[in-house]
Amino acid sequence: MDAYEEKIYNILKQEFDPKNLQVKDVSGGCGSMFAISVESTKFKGIPMIKQHRLVNEVLKDEIAQWHGLQLQTKSV
């Protein structure tokens, strides 16, 4: 995990206290596209689209610099 992936990881870890969290730069290393998977009890009872909105809100400053995001969320 590079420093930027770790930054994103730490932001999500702090906000969602995930049971499982994966952050991967899938842009070939330039930091413009990420694949993120978050499994958290904080998503319990929340529809997937709202889960995605929560993640997008937390990462909005980072996402503004990206070309794309592959996001998976799951309630545990």
PDB file of N, CA and C in Angstrom:
ATOM      1  N   MET A   1       0.858  -1.177   0.000  1.00  0.00           N
ATOM      2  CA  MET A   1       0.000   0.000   0.000  1.00  0.00           C
ATOM      3  C   MET A   1       0.900   1.235   0.000  1.00  0.00           C
ATOM      4  N   ASP A   2       0.660   2.124  -0.964  1.00  0.00           N
ATOM      5  CA  ASP A   2       1.471   3.340  -0.999  1.00  0.00           C
ATOM      6  C   ASP A   2       0.892   4.390  -0.040  1.00  0.00           C
ATOM      7  N   ALA A   3       1.561   5.516   0.072  1.00  0.00           N
ATOM      8  CA  ALA A   3       1.185   6.539   1.054  1.00  0.00           C
ATOM      9  C   ALA A   3      -0.215   7.104   0.801  1.00  0.00           C
ATOM     10  N   TYR A   4      -0.579   7.298  -0.465  1.00  0.00           N
ATOM     11  CA  TYR A   4      -1.896   7.862  -0.761  1.00  0.00           C
ATOM     12  C   TYR A   4      -3.004   6.844  -0.479  1.00  0.00           C
ATOM     13  N   GLU A   5      -2.767   5.583  -0.838  1.00  0.00           N
ATOM     14  CA  GLU A   5      -3.728   4.532  -0.500  1.00  0.00           C
ATOM     15  C   GLU A   5      -3.906   4.462   1.018  1.00  0.00           C
ATOM     16  N   GLU A   6      -2.806   4.580   1.735  1.00  0.00           N
ATOM     17  CA  GLU A   6      -2.860   4.538   3.198  1.00  0.00           C
ATOM     18  C   GLU A   6      -3.646   5.724   3.759  1.00  0.00           C
ATOM     19  N   LYS A   7      -3.495   6.880   3.151  1.00  0.00           N
ATOM     20  CA  LYS A   7      -4.259   8.057   3.583  1.00  0.00           C
ATOM     21  C   LYS A   7      -5.758   7.800   3.441  1.00  0.00           C
ATOM     22  N   ILE A   8      -6.168   7.285   2.291  1.00  0.00           N
ATOM     23  CA  ILE A   8      -7.580   6.980   2.048  1.00  0.00           C
ATOM     24  C   ILE A   8      -8.058   5.910   3.024  1.00  0.00           C
ATOM     25  N   TYR A   9      -7.243   4.887   3.199  1.00  0.00           N
ATOM     26  CA  TYR A   9      -7.549   3.798   4.129  1.00  0.00           C
ATOM     27  C   TYR A   9      -7.813   4.359   5.528  1.00  0.00           C
ATOM     28  N   ASN A  10      -6.935   5.229   5.987  1.00  0.00           N
ATOM     29  CA  ASN A  10      -7.065   5.781   7.340  1.00  0.00           C
ATOM     30  C   ASN A  10      -8.301   6.664   7.493  1.00  0.00           C
ATOM     31  N   ILE A  11      -8.631   7.421   6.467  1.00  0.00           N
ATOM     32  CA  ILE A  11      -9.848   8.244   6.502  1.00  0.00           C
ATOM     33  C   ILE A  11     -11.074   7.348   6.676  1.00  0.00           C
ATOM     34  N   LEU A  12     -11.147   6.297   5.867  1.00  0.00           N
ATOM     35  CA  LEU A  12     -12.295   5.385   5.923  1.00  0.00           C
ATOM     36  C   LEU A  12     -12.318   4.592   7.224  1.00  0.00           C
ATOM     37  N   LYS A  13     -11.164   4.179   7.685  1.00  0.00           N
ATOM     38  CA  LYS A  13     -11.080   3.424   8.942  1.00  0.00           C
ATOM     39  C   LYS A  13     -11.594   4.260  10.107  1.00  0.00           C
ATOM     40  N   GLN A  14     -11.204   5.509  10.148  1.00  0.00           N
ATOM     41  CA  GLN A  14     -11.627   6.393  11.232  1.00  0.00           C
ATOM     42  C   GLN A  14     -13.138   6.641  11.194  1.00  0.00           C
ATOM     43  N   GLU A  15     -13.684   6.816  10.015  1.00  0.00           N
ATOM     44  CA  GLU A  15     -15.097   7.171   9.881  1.00  0.00           C
ATOM     45  C   GLU A  15     -16.040   5.981  10.049  1.00  0.00           C
ATOM     46  N   PHE A  16     -15.666   4.821   9.506  1.00  0.00           N
ATOM     47  CA  PHE A  16     -16.602   3.697   9.440  1.00  0.00           C
ATOM     48  C   PHE A  16     -16.255   2.516  10.336  1.00  0.00           C
ATOM     49  N   ASP A  17     -15.099   2.527  10.992  1.00  0.00           N
ATOM     50  CA  ASP A  17     -14.678   1.417  11.846  1.00  0.00           C
ATOM     51  C   ASP A  17     -14.988   0.076  11.163  1.00  0.00           C
ATOM     52  N   PRO A  18     -14.445  -0.126   9.964  1.00  0.00           N
ATOM     53  CA  PRO A  18     -14.832  -1.285   9.162  1.00  0.00           C
ATOM     54  C   PRO A  18     -14.311  -2.611   9.697  1.00  0.00           C
ATOM     55  N   LYS A  19     -15.072  -3.657   9.427  1.00  0.00           N
ATOM     56  CA  LYS A  19     -14.637  -5.024   9.723  1.00  0.00           C
ATOM     57  C   LYS A  19     -13.684  -5.498   8.633  1.00  0.00           C
ATOM     58  N   ASN A  20     -13.875  -4.980   7.432  1.00  0.00           N
ATOM     59  CA  ASN A  20     -12.995  -5.282   6.307  1.00  0.00           C
ATOM     60  C   ASN A  20     -12.889  -4.017   5.461  1.00  0.00           C
ATOM     61  N   LEU A  21     -11.671  -3.691   5.065  1.00  0.00           N
ATOM     62  CA  LEU A  21     -11.446  -2.485   4.269  1.00  0.00           C
ATOM     63  C   LEU A  21     -10.304  -2.736   3.302  1.00  0.00           C
ATOM     64  N   GLN A  22     -10.563  -2.450   2.036  1.00  0.00           N
ATOM     65  CA  GLN A  22      -9.529  -2.576   1.012  1.00  0.00           C
ATOM     66  C   GLN A  22      -9.514  -1.306   0.174  1.00  0.00           C
ATOM     67  N   VAL A  23      -8.324  -0.794  -0.057  1.00  0.00           N
ATOM     68  CA  VAL A  23      -8.129   0.386  -0.897  1.00  0.00           C
ATOM     69  C   VAL A  23      -7.003   0.063  -1.863  1.00  0.00           C
ATOM     70  N   LYS A  24      -7.291   0.182  -3.155  1.00  0.00           N
ATOM     71  CA  LYS A  24      -6.273  -0.146  -4.148  1.00  0.00           C
ATOM     72  C   LYS A  24      -6.308   0.863  -5.288  1.00  0.00           C
ATOM     73  N   ASP A  25      -5.136   1.375  -5.610  1.00  0.00           N
ATOM     74  CA  ASP A  25      -4.983   2.250  -6.774  1.00  0.00           C
ATOM     75  C   ASP A  25      -5.009   1.357  -8.011  1.00  0.00           C
ATOM     76  N   VAL A  26      -6.030   1.505  -8.839  1.00  0.00           N
ATOM     77  CA  VAL A  26      -6.165   0.680 -10.042  1.00  0.00           C
ATOM     78  C   VAL A  26      -5.868   1.490 -11.309  1.00  0.00           C
ATOM     79  N   SER A  27      -5.176   2.606 -11.122  1.00  0.00           N
ATOM     80  CA  SER A  27      -4.863   3.474 -12.259  1.00  0.00           C
ATOM     81  C   SER A  27      -3.468   3.219 -12.808  1.00  0.00           C
ATOM     82  N   GLY A  28      -2.801   2.221 -12.280  1.00  0.00           N
ATOM     83  CA  GLY A  28      -1.439   1.973 -12.716  1.00  0.00           C
ATOM     84  C   GLY A  28      -0.422   2.752 -11.904  1.00  0.00           C
ATOM     85  N   GLY A  29      -0.865   3.307 -10.794  1.00  0.00           N
ATOM     86  CA  GLY A  29       0.052   3.987  -9.894  1.00  0.00           C
ATOM     87  C   GLY A  29       0.002   5.500  -9.918  1.00  0.00           C
ATOM     88  N   CYS A  30      -0.826   6.077 -10.775  1.00  0.00           N
ATOM     89  CA  CYS A  30      -0.855   7.545 -10.843  1.00  0.00           C
ATOM     90  C   CYS A  30      -1.853   8.166  -9.863  1.00  0.00           C
ATOM     91  N   GLY A  31      -2.658   7.340  -9.190  1.00  0.00           N
ATOM     92  CA  GLY A  31      -3.571   7.853  -8.175  1.00  0.00           C
ATOM     93  C   GLY A  31      -4.826   8.501  -8.702  1.00  0.00           C
ATOM     94  N   SER A  32      -5.256   8.109  -9.900  1.00  0.00           N
ATOM     95  CA  SER A  32      -6.443   8.745 -10.473  1.00  0.00           C
ATOM     96  C   SER A  32      -7.691   7.864 -10.435  1.00  0.00           C
ATOM     97  N   MET A  33      -7.527   6.591 -10.055  1.00  0.00           N
ATOM     98  CA  MET A  33      -8.685   5.704  -9.963  1.00  0.00           C
ATOM     99  C   MET A  33      -8.432   4.670  -8.872  1.00  0.00           C
ATOM    100  N   PHE A  34      -9.467   4.460  -8.048  1.00  0.00           N
ATOM    101  CA  PHE A  34      -9.326   3.557  -6.922  1.00  0.00           C
ATOM    102  C   PHE A  34     -10.457   2.547  -6.866  1.00  0.00           C
ATOM    103  N   ALA A  35     -10.119   1.360  -6.374  1.00  0.00           N
ATOM    104  CA  ALA A  35     -11.101   0.330  -6.048  1.00  0.00           C
ATOM    105  C   ALA A  35     -11.138   0.257  -4.527  1.00  0.00           C
ATOM    106  N   ILE A  36     -12.314   0.501  -3.966  1.00  0.00           N
ATOM    107  CA  ILE A  36     -12.471   0.537  -2.514  1.00  0.00           C
ATOM    108  C   ILE A  36     -13.605  -0.395  -2.115  1.00  0.00           C
ATOM    109  N   SER A  37     -13.341  -1.190  -1.084  1.00  0.00           N
ATOM    110  CA  SER A  37     -14.349  -2.080  -0.522  1.00  0.00           C
ATOM    111  C   SER A  37     -14.413  -1.821   0.981  1.00  0.00           C
ATOM    112  N   VAL A  38     -15.629  -1.555   1.480  1.00  0.00           N
ATOM    113  CA  VAL A  38     -15.821  -1.247   2.894  1.00  0.00           C
ATOM    114  C   VAL A  38     -16.947  -2.119   3.444  1.00  0.00           C
ATOM    115  N   GLU A  39     -16.658  -2.860   4.502  1.00  0.00           N
ATOM    116  CA  GLU A  39     -17.679  -3.627   5.216  1.00  0.00           C
ATOM    117  C   GLU A  39     -17.741  -3.085   6.638  1.00  0.00           C
ATOM    118  N   SER A  40     -18.913  -2.599   7.026  1.00  0.00           N
ATOM    119  CA  SER A  40     -19.032  -1.940   8.323  1.00  0.00           C
ATOM    120  C   SER A  40     -20.409  -2.149   8.938  1.00  0.00           C
ATOM    121  N   THR A  41     -20.443  -2.212  10.249  1.00  0.00           N
ATOM    122  CA  THR A  41     -21.722  -2.274  10.959  1.00  0.00           C
ATOM    123  C   THR A  41     -22.456  -0.934  10.866  1.00  0.00           C
ATOM    124  N   LYS A  42     -21.742   0.128  10.553  1.00  0.00           N
ATOM    125  CA  LYS A  42     -22.374   1.448  10.424  1.00  0.00           C
ATOM    126  C   LYS A  42     -23.298   1.530   9.212  1.00  0.00           C
ATOM    127  N   PHE A  43     -23.228   0.541   8.327  1.00  0.00           N
ATOM    128  CA  PHE A  43     -24.104   0.507   7.158  1.00  0.00           C
ATOM    129  C   PHE A  43     -25.392  -0.278   7.424  1.00  0.00           C
ATOM    130  N   LYS A  44     -25.525  -0.837   8.612  1.00  0.00           N
ATOM    131  CA  LYS A  44     -26.683  -1.684   8.916  1.00  0.00           C
ATOM    132  C   LYS A  44     -27.990  -0.909   8.730  1.00  0.00           C
ATOM    133  N   GLY A  45     -28.884  -1.493   7.939  1.00  0.00           N
ATOM    134  CA  GLY A  45     -30.192  -0.898   7.704  1.00  0.00           C
ATOM    135  C   GLY A  45     -30.198   0.241   6.697  1.00  0.00           C
ATOM    136  N   ILE A  46     -29.062   0.513   6.092  1.00  0.00           N
ATOM    137  CA  ILE A  46     -28.954   1.618   5.132  1.00  0.00           C
ATOM    138  C   ILE A  46     -28.868   1.038   3.719  1.00  0.00           C
ATOM    139  N   PRO A  47     -29.716   1.501   2.802  1.00  0.00           N
ATOM    140  CA  PRO A  47     -29.648   1.013   1.418  1.00  0.00           C
ATOM    141  C   PRO A  47     -28.267   1.276   0.798  1.00  0.00           C
ATOM    142  N   MET A  48     -27.886   0.429  -0.140  1.00  0.00           N
ATOM    143  CA  MET A  48     -26.556   0.518  -0.738  1.00  0.00           C
ATOM    144  C   MET A  48     -26.267   1.896  -1.327  1.00  0.00           C
ATOM    145  N   ILE A  49     -27.223   2.498  -1.991  1.00  0.00           N
ATOM    146  CA  ILE A  49     -26.980   3.814  -2.594  1.00  0.00           C
ATOM    147  C   ILE A  49     -26.635   4.845  -1.522  1.00  0.00           C
ATOM    148  N   LYS A  50     -27.273   4.750  -0.368  1.00  0.00           N
ATOM    149  CA  LYS A  50     -26.960   5.675   0.727  1.00  0.00           C
ATOM    150  C   LYS A  50     -25.607   5.346   1.360  1.00  0.00           C
ATOM    151  N   GLN A  51     -25.254   4.061   1.393  1.00  0.00           N
ATOM    152  CA  GLN A  51     -23.923   3.669   1.868  1.00  0.00           C
ATOM    153  C   GLN A  51     -22.859   4.318   0.983  1.00  0.00           C
ATOM    154  N   HIS A  52     -23.076   4.244  -0.323  1.00  0.00           N
ATOM    155  CA  HIS A  52     -22.128   4.832  -1.271  1.00  0.00           C
ATOM    156  C   HIS A  52     -22.055   6.348  -1.101  1.00  0.00           C
ATOM    157  N   ARG A  53     -23.189   6.961  -0.863  1.00  0.00           N
ATOM    158  CA  ARG A  53     -23.196   8.414  -0.647  1.00  0.00           C
ATOM    159  C   ARG A  53     -22.411   8.792   0.607  1.00  0.00           C
ATOM    160  N   LEU A  54     -22.522   7.978   1.650  1.00  0.00           N
ATOM    161  CA  LEU A  54     -21.766   8.238   2.876  1.00  0.00           C
ATOM    162  C   LEU A  54     -20.261   8.189   2.607  1.00  0.00           C
ATOM    163  N   VAL A  55     -19.835   7.169   1.885  1.00  0.00           N
ATOM    164  CA  VAL A  55     -18.412   7.044   1.551  1.00  0.00           C
ATOM    165  C   VAL A  55     -17.979   8.208   0.661  1.00  0.00           C
ATOM    166  N   ASN A  56     -18.789   8.526  -0.333  1.00  0.00           N
ATOM    167  CA  ASN A  56     -18.464   9.640  -1.229  1.00  0.00           C
ATOM    168  C   ASN A  56     -18.336  10.955  -0.461  1.00  0.00           C
ATOM    169  N   GLU A  57     -19.193  11.163   0.514  1.00  0.00           N
ATOM    170  CA  GLU A  57     -19.138  12.396   1.300  1.00  0.00           C
ATOM    171  C   GLU A  57     -17.844  12.471   2.119  1.00  0.00           C
ATOM    172  N   VAL A  58     -17.471  11.366   2.715  1.00  0.00           N
ATOM    173  CA  VAL A  58     -16.251  11.328   3.523  1.00  0.00           C
ATOM    174  C   VAL A  58     -15.009  11.572   2.659  1.00  0.00           C
ATOM    175  N   LEU A  59     -15.048  11.071   1.433  1.00  0.00           N
ATOM    176  CA  LEU A  59     -13.887  11.181   0.540  1.00  0.00           C
ATOM    177  C   LEU A  59     -14.026  12.286  -0.508  1.00  0.00           C
ATOM    178  N   LYS A  60     -14.980  13.186  -0.348  1.00  0.00           N
ATOM    179  CA  LYS A  60     -15.281  14.151  -1.410  1.00  0.00           C
ATOM    180  C   LYS A  60     -14.070  14.966  -1.855  1.00  0.00           C
ATOM    181  N   ASP A  61     -13.213  15.365  -0.941  1.00  0.00           N
ATOM    182  CA  ASP A  61     -12.040  16.153  -1.327  1.00  0.00           C
ATOM    183  C   ASP A  61     -11.061  15.321  -2.152  1.00  0.00           C
ATOM    184  N   GLU A  62     -10.933  14.054  -1.803  1.00  0.00           N
ATOM    185  CA  GLU A  62     -10.050  13.161  -2.555  1.00  0.00           C
ATOM    186  C   GLU A  62     -10.655  12.826  -3.918  1.00  0.00           C
ATOM    187  N   ILE A  63     -11.940  12.482  -3.916  1.00  0.00           N
ATOM    188  CA  ILE A  63     -12.625  12.082  -5.148  1.00  0.00           C
ATOM    189  C   ILE A  63     -12.575  13.192  -6.197  1.00  0.00           C
ATOM    190  N   ALA A  64     -12.580  14.427  -5.760  1.00  0.00           N
ATOM    191  CA  ALA A  64     -12.532  15.558  -6.695  1.00  0.00           C
ATOM    192  C   ALA A  64     -11.277  15.520  -7.573  1.00  0.00           C
ATOM    193  N   GLN A  65     -10.252  14.827  -7.119  1.00  0.00           N
ATOM    194  CA  GLN A  65      -8.991  14.745  -7.862  1.00  0.00           C
ATOM    195  C   GLN A  65      -8.895  13.486  -8.726  1.00  0.00           C
ATOM    196  N   TRP A  66      -9.859  12.586  -8.607  1.00  0.00           N
ATOM    197  CA  TRP A  66      -9.798  11.295  -9.292  1.00  0.00           C
ATOM    198  C   TRP A  66     -10.584  11.314 -10.595  1.00  0.00           C
ATOM    199  N   HIS A  67     -10.262  10.336 -11.440  1.00  0.00           N
ATOM    200  CA  HIS A  67     -11.025  10.121 -12.670  1.00  0.00           C
ATOM    201  C   HIS A  67     -12.135   9.100 -12.456  1.00  0.00           C
ATOM    202  N   GLY A  68     -11.945   8.208 -11.475  1.00  0.00           N
ATOM    203  CA  GLY A  68     -12.957   7.183 -11.262  1.00  0.00           C
ATOM    204  C   GLY A  68     -12.810   6.481  -9.931  1.00  0.00           C
ATOM    205  N   LEU A  69     -13.903   5.816  -9.541  1.00  0.00           N
ATOM    206  CA  LEU A  69     -13.951   5.081  -8.282  1.00  0.00           C
ATOM    207  C   LEU A  69     -14.799   3.833  -8.471  1.00  0.00           C
ATOM    208  N   GLN A  70     -14.238   2.695  -8.103  1.00  0.00           N
ATOM    209  CA  GLN A  70     -14.987   1.441  -8.042  1.00  0.00           C
ATOM    210  C   GLN A  70     -15.265   1.204  -6.564  1.00  0.00           C
ATOM    211  N   LEU A  71     -16.522   1.282  -6.168  1.00  0.00           N
ATOM    212  CA  LEU A  71     -16.867   1.233  -4.750  1.00  0.00           C
ATOM    213  C   LEU A  71     -17.799   0.073  -4.453  1.00  0.00           C
ATOM    214  N   GLN A  72     -17.436  -0.686  -3.435  1.00  0.00           N
ATOM    215  CA  GLN A  72     -18.298  -1.744  -2.914  1.00  0.00           C
ATOM    216  C   GLN A  72     -18.475  -1.495  -1.423  1.00  0.00           C
ATOM    217  N   THR A  73     -19.719  -1.553  -0.970  1.00  0.00           N
ATOM    218  CA  THR A  73     -19.997  -1.422   0.452  1.00  0.00           C
ATOM    219  C   THR A  73     -20.869  -2.587   0.884  1.00  0.00           C
ATOM    220  N   LYS A  74     -20.764  -2.918   2.165  1.00  0.00           N
ATOM    221  CA  LYS A  74     -21.551  -4.030   2.695  1.00  0.00           C
ATOM    222  C   LYS A  74     -21.766  -3.822   4.183  1.00  0.00           C
ATOM    223  N   SER A  75     -22.969  -4.112   4.627  1.00  0.00           N
ATOM    224  CA  SER A  75     -23.276  -4.079   6.045  1.00  0.00           C
ATOM    225  C   SER A  75     -22.913  -5.422   6.663  1.00  0.00           C
ATOM    226  N   VAL A  76     -22.293  -5.376   7.826  1.00  0.00           N
ATOM    227  CA  VAL A  76     -21.956  -6.622   8.539  1.00  0.00           C
ATOM    228  C   VAL A  76     -22.514  -6.577   9.941  1.00  0.00           C
TER     229      VAL A  76
END
